[in-house]
Each structure stands twice: as C-alpha cells, then as structure tokens.
N, C-alpha and C. Protein backbone atom coordinates (compact mmCIF):
# COMPACT_ATOMS: atom_id res chain seq x y z
N MET A 1 -6.92 1.39 13.30
CA MET A 1 -5.95 2.11 12.55
C MET A 1 -4.66 1.30 12.45
N ILE A 2 -4.04 1.35 11.29
CA ILE A 2 -2.82 0.61 11.04
C ILE A 2 -1.63 1.42 11.57
N GLU A 3 -0.76 0.78 12.33
CA GLU A 3 0.43 1.42 12.81
C GLU A 3 1.52 1.41 11.73
N ILE A 4 2.11 2.56 11.50
CA ILE A 4 3.23 2.64 10.56
C ILE A 4 4.49 2.54 11.41
N LYS A 5 5.19 1.39 11.27
CA LYS A 5 6.37 1.13 12.13
C LYS A 5 7.61 1.88 11.68
N LYS A 6 7.88 1.90 10.39
CA LYS A 6 9.13 2.51 9.91
C LYS A 6 8.90 3.02 8.48
N LYS A 7 9.51 4.16 8.16
CA LYS A 7 9.47 4.71 6.82
C LYS A 7 10.88 4.94 6.33
N SER A 8 11.30 4.25 5.28
CA SER A 8 12.65 4.48 4.75
C SER A 8 12.73 5.69 3.85
N LYS A 9 11.54 6.14 3.36
CA LYS A 9 11.42 7.33 2.51
C LYS A 9 9.96 7.70 2.50
N PRO A 10 9.58 8.85 1.99
CA PRO A 10 8.14 9.17 1.87
C PRO A 10 7.42 8.10 1.01
N ILE A 11 6.22 7.75 1.39
CA ILE A 11 5.49 6.71 0.68
C ILE A 11 5.30 7.06 -0.79
N GLY A 12 5.18 8.34 -1.08
CA GLY A 12 5.04 8.77 -2.48
C GLY A 12 6.28 8.49 -3.32
N GLY A 13 7.40 8.21 -2.67
CA GLY A 13 8.64 7.89 -3.38
C GLY A 13 8.86 6.40 -3.64
N LEU A 14 7.91 5.56 -3.20
CA LEU A 14 8.08 4.10 -3.46
C LEU A 14 7.96 3.83 -4.93
N LYS A 15 8.83 2.93 -5.40
CA LYS A 15 8.82 2.56 -6.83
C LYS A 15 9.02 1.07 -7.00
N GLU A 16 8.92 0.60 -8.20
CA GLU A 16 9.06 -0.84 -8.52
C GLU A 16 10.31 -1.43 -7.91
N GLY A 17 10.12 -2.55 -7.19
CA GLY A 17 11.25 -3.27 -6.58
C GLY A 17 11.54 -2.91 -5.13
N ASP A 18 10.94 -1.78 -4.68
CA ASP A 18 11.12 -1.39 -3.27
C ASP A 18 10.42 -2.41 -2.34
N SER A 19 10.84 -2.49 -1.11
CA SER A 19 10.22 -3.37 -0.15
C SER A 19 9.11 -2.64 0.61
N PHE A 20 8.06 -3.40 0.92
CA PHE A 20 6.96 -2.94 1.74
C PHE A 20 6.60 -4.09 2.64
N PHE A 21 6.43 -3.83 3.94
CA PHE A 21 6.21 -4.87 4.90
C PHE A 21 4.80 -4.76 5.50
N ILE A 22 4.10 -5.88 5.54
CA ILE A 22 2.81 -5.99 6.18
C ILE A 22 2.93 -7.00 7.31
N ASN A 23 2.72 -6.55 8.55
CA ASN A 23 2.90 -7.43 9.74
C ASN A 23 4.26 -8.08 9.71
N GLY A 24 5.28 -7.38 9.26
CA GLY A 24 6.64 -7.90 9.25
C GLY A 24 6.97 -8.76 8.03
N LYS A 25 6.01 -9.08 7.21
CA LYS A 25 6.22 -9.93 6.00
C LYS A 25 6.59 -9.04 4.83
N GLU A 26 7.73 -9.33 4.18
CA GLU A 26 8.22 -8.50 3.11
C GLU A 26 7.46 -8.75 1.80
N MET A 27 7.02 -7.67 1.21
CA MET A 27 6.37 -7.66 -0.09
C MET A 27 7.23 -6.79 -1.00
N LYS A 28 6.91 -6.82 -2.29
CA LYS A 28 7.64 -5.97 -3.28
C LYS A 28 6.66 -5.04 -3.96
N VAL A 29 7.12 -3.83 -4.15
CA VAL A 29 6.32 -2.82 -4.85
C VAL A 29 6.35 -3.11 -6.33
N ASP A 30 5.18 -3.10 -6.95
CA ASP A 30 5.05 -3.29 -8.39
C ASP A 30 4.98 -1.93 -9.07
N LYS A 31 4.05 -1.06 -8.64
CA LYS A 31 3.95 0.28 -9.17
C LYS A 31 3.11 1.12 -8.27
N GLN A 32 3.16 2.44 -8.51
CA GLN A 32 2.35 3.38 -7.77
C GLN A 32 1.66 4.31 -8.76
N PHE A 33 0.42 4.64 -8.48
CA PHE A 33 -0.28 5.52 -9.42
C PHE A 33 -1.36 6.32 -8.70
N LEU A 34 -1.82 7.38 -9.39
CA LEU A 34 -2.88 8.22 -8.89
C LEU A 34 -4.22 7.53 -9.19
N LEU A 35 -5.02 7.32 -8.18
CA LEU A 35 -6.33 6.72 -8.36
C LEU A 35 -7.36 7.81 -8.68
N GLN A 36 -7.34 8.88 -7.90
CA GLN A 36 -8.26 9.97 -8.15
C GLN A 36 -7.73 11.28 -7.58
N ASP A 37 -7.84 12.35 -8.37
CA ASP A 37 -7.42 13.66 -7.95
C ASP A 37 -8.65 14.40 -7.40
N HIS A 38 -8.63 14.75 -6.11
CA HIS A 38 -9.74 15.44 -5.49
C HIS A 38 -9.48 16.93 -5.34
N GLY A 39 -8.58 17.44 -6.14
CA GLY A 39 -8.23 18.88 -6.10
C GLY A 39 -7.19 19.17 -5.06
N ASP A 40 -7.57 19.30 -3.79
CA ASP A 40 -6.62 19.63 -2.75
C ASP A 40 -5.92 18.41 -2.15
N MET A 41 -6.35 17.21 -2.60
CA MET A 41 -5.67 15.99 -2.18
C MET A 41 -5.78 14.93 -3.25
N LYS A 42 -4.86 14.00 -3.23
CA LYS A 42 -4.81 12.93 -4.22
C LYS A 42 -4.96 11.59 -3.55
N GLU A 43 -5.78 10.73 -4.11
CA GLU A 43 -5.98 9.37 -3.61
C GLU A 43 -5.00 8.48 -4.42
N MET A 44 -4.05 7.88 -3.73
CA MET A 44 -2.98 7.16 -4.36
C MET A 44 -3.09 5.65 -4.09
N VAL A 45 -2.49 4.87 -4.99
CA VAL A 45 -2.44 3.39 -4.86
C VAL A 45 -1.01 2.91 -5.09
N VAL A 46 -0.54 2.09 -4.19
CA VAL A 46 0.72 1.38 -4.37
C VAL A 46 0.35 -0.08 -4.54
N GLU A 47 0.67 -0.66 -5.70
CA GLU A 47 0.40 -2.08 -5.89
C GLU A 47 1.64 -2.87 -5.45
N ILE A 48 1.38 -3.87 -4.58
CA ILE A 48 2.49 -4.68 -4.11
C ILE A 48 2.11 -6.15 -4.26
N PHE A 49 3.12 -7.03 -4.14
CA PHE A 49 2.85 -8.45 -4.24
C PHE A 49 3.81 -9.21 -3.30
N ASN A 50 3.35 -10.38 -2.90
CA ASN A 50 4.18 -11.28 -2.10
C ASN A 50 4.88 -12.21 -3.05
N PRO A 51 6.20 -12.11 -3.18
CA PRO A 51 6.94 -12.95 -4.15
C PRO A 51 6.93 -14.44 -3.81
N GLU A 52 6.61 -14.80 -2.57
CA GLU A 52 6.54 -16.22 -2.20
C GLU A 52 5.32 -16.93 -2.68
N ASN A 53 4.19 -16.22 -2.73
CA ASN A 53 2.95 -16.89 -3.15
C ASN A 53 2.16 -16.12 -4.24
N ASP A 54 2.75 -15.05 -4.77
CA ASP A 54 2.17 -14.23 -5.83
C ASP A 54 0.84 -13.58 -5.49
N ARG A 55 0.51 -13.45 -4.20
CA ARG A 55 -0.69 -12.72 -3.84
C ARG A 55 -0.47 -11.23 -4.09
N GLU A 56 -1.51 -10.56 -4.55
CA GLU A 56 -1.41 -9.14 -4.87
C GLU A 56 -2.22 -8.30 -3.90
N TYR A 57 -1.71 -7.12 -3.60
CA TYR A 57 -2.33 -6.19 -2.64
C TYR A 57 -2.28 -4.79 -3.19
N GLN A 58 -3.14 -3.95 -2.66
CA GLN A 58 -3.07 -2.51 -2.95
C GLN A 58 -3.00 -1.79 -1.59
N VAL A 59 -2.10 -0.81 -1.52
CA VAL A 59 -2.01 0.08 -0.40
C VAL A 59 -2.61 1.38 -0.90
N ARG A 60 -3.69 1.81 -0.28
CA ARG A 60 -4.40 3.04 -0.71
C ARG A 60 -4.24 4.08 0.40
N TYR A 61 -4.05 5.32 -0.03
CA TYR A 61 -3.88 6.41 0.95
C TYR A 61 -4.17 7.76 0.28
N PHE A 62 -4.50 8.75 1.11
CA PHE A 62 -4.63 10.14 0.66
C PHE A 62 -3.33 10.84 0.93
N ASP A 63 -2.78 11.52 -0.02
CA ASP A 63 -1.46 12.11 0.13
C ASP A 63 -1.35 13.19 1.20
N ASP A 64 -2.48 13.75 1.64
CA ASP A 64 -2.44 14.79 2.68
C ASP A 64 -2.70 14.26 4.07
N GLN A 65 -3.03 12.97 4.19
CA GLN A 65 -3.31 12.39 5.52
C GLN A 65 -2.91 10.90 5.54
N ILE A 66 -1.69 10.64 5.21
CA ILE A 66 -1.21 9.28 5.07
C ILE A 66 -1.43 8.46 6.35
N GLU A 67 -1.01 9.00 7.49
CA GLU A 67 -1.07 8.24 8.74
C GLU A 67 -2.48 7.73 9.08
N SER A 68 -3.50 8.54 8.82
CA SER A 68 -4.88 8.18 9.19
C SER A 68 -5.65 7.55 8.05
N SER A 69 -5.15 7.57 6.81
CA SER A 69 -5.96 7.10 5.70
C SER A 69 -5.47 5.79 5.07
N ILE A 70 -4.30 5.31 5.47
CA ILE A 70 -3.69 4.14 4.78
C ILE A 70 -4.59 2.89 5.02
N GLU A 71 -4.85 2.20 3.92
CA GLU A 71 -5.65 0.97 3.96
C GLU A 71 -4.99 -0.08 3.07
N ILE A 72 -5.18 -1.34 3.40
CA ILE A 72 -4.59 -2.45 2.66
C ILE A 72 -5.73 -3.30 2.08
N TYR A 73 -5.63 -3.60 0.79
CA TYR A 73 -6.65 -4.46 0.12
C TYR A 73 -5.93 -5.62 -0.52
N GLU A 74 -6.54 -6.78 -0.45
CA GLU A 74 -5.97 -8.01 -1.08
C GLU A 74 -6.85 -8.39 -2.27
N LEU A 75 -6.20 -8.72 -3.38
CA LEU A 75 -6.91 -9.17 -4.58
C LEU A 75 -7.48 -10.58 -4.36
N GLN A 76 -8.78 -10.70 -4.54
CA GLN A 76 -9.46 -11.99 -4.44
C GLN A 76 -10.06 -12.29 -5.80
N GLY A 77 -9.74 -13.42 -6.39
CA GLY A 77 -10.20 -13.70 -7.73
C GLY A 77 -9.43 -12.87 -8.74
N GLU A 78 -10.11 -12.43 -9.77
CA GLU A 78 -9.44 -11.68 -10.83
C GLU A 78 -9.57 -10.18 -10.72
N ILE A 79 -10.69 -9.67 -10.12
CA ILE A 79 -10.89 -8.24 -10.13
C ILE A 79 -11.36 -7.64 -8.81
N GLN A 80 -11.64 -8.43 -7.82
CA GLN A 80 -12.21 -7.91 -6.57
C GLN A 80 -11.14 -7.75 -5.48
N TYR A 81 -11.05 -6.56 -4.93
CA TYR A 81 -10.15 -6.28 -3.80
C TYR A 81 -10.93 -6.25 -2.53
N VAL A 82 -10.44 -6.96 -1.50
CA VAL A 82 -11.10 -7.05 -0.20
C VAL A 82 -10.19 -6.38 0.85
N ILE A 83 -10.79 -5.52 1.66
CA ILE A 83 -10.00 -4.79 2.66
C ILE A 83 -9.46 -5.77 3.72
N ARG A 84 -8.24 -5.55 4.14
CA ARG A 84 -7.58 -6.31 5.19
C ARG A 84 -7.22 -5.32 6.28
N GLU A 85 -7.05 -5.87 7.50
CA GLU A 85 -6.76 -4.99 8.64
C GLU A 85 -5.49 -5.46 9.34
N PRO A 86 -4.34 -5.28 8.73
CA PRO A 86 -3.09 -5.67 9.40
C PRO A 86 -2.82 -4.77 10.61
N LYS A 87 -1.97 -5.24 11.48
CA LYS A 87 -1.60 -4.47 12.65
C LYS A 87 -0.63 -3.37 12.30
N ASP A 88 0.32 -3.66 11.41
CA ASP A 88 1.33 -2.66 11.10
C ASP A 88 1.88 -2.82 9.70
N VAL A 89 2.45 -1.74 9.22
CA VAL A 89 3.12 -1.70 7.90
C VAL A 89 4.44 -0.95 8.06
N ALA A 90 5.31 -1.15 7.11
CA ALA A 90 6.60 -0.44 7.08
C ALA A 90 7.10 -0.43 5.63
N TRP A 91 7.99 0.51 5.36
CA TRP A 91 8.62 0.56 4.05
C TRP A 91 9.95 1.27 4.14
C-alpha cells in the first residue's frame, strides 16, 4: 500500500499546474477526469508529468476509498501504462 504523506487539499480538487509528489519527487498535474462511474463510487484519474524528463503518469483512485485504492501508473511507449509501486505520495 502506498503511504499518503501529506494532502494540501482533497485529491478531487487537484487541477492543472498543481504539484504532486512521488517518493518526494515533484511532478505537475496535467488534468483530472472521471474514468468510470460505478454508481455509488467513481473511478478517477489524475494525469501528471515530470517536467524534468517529460515522463507521464496516471494516479488512479476510487473517490470513496482513496487511502486504500490509490495506484500509480507510468506511460511506457505511446499507449501502455505500467503499474508502479512507490513508497509514498503527497500533494
């Protein structure tokens, strides 16, 4: 499970230009959107990127269980996302 070290606001409030940290490394939020509506919960995606090397990531979570559902994926190639297991995140 990924440790959430610090929250500057609710994750649902992140928007373009906000900072997101993976293992202490600062990334920038590109956008946030609804991936799938499951009725009583929503599966959300926050797209982020590392401005130093242009690597792209997705932070995926369910809005009703953020602490236990947050996952990080890294874009490999043009369309494939691969799950990563960082120790901690913050925003």
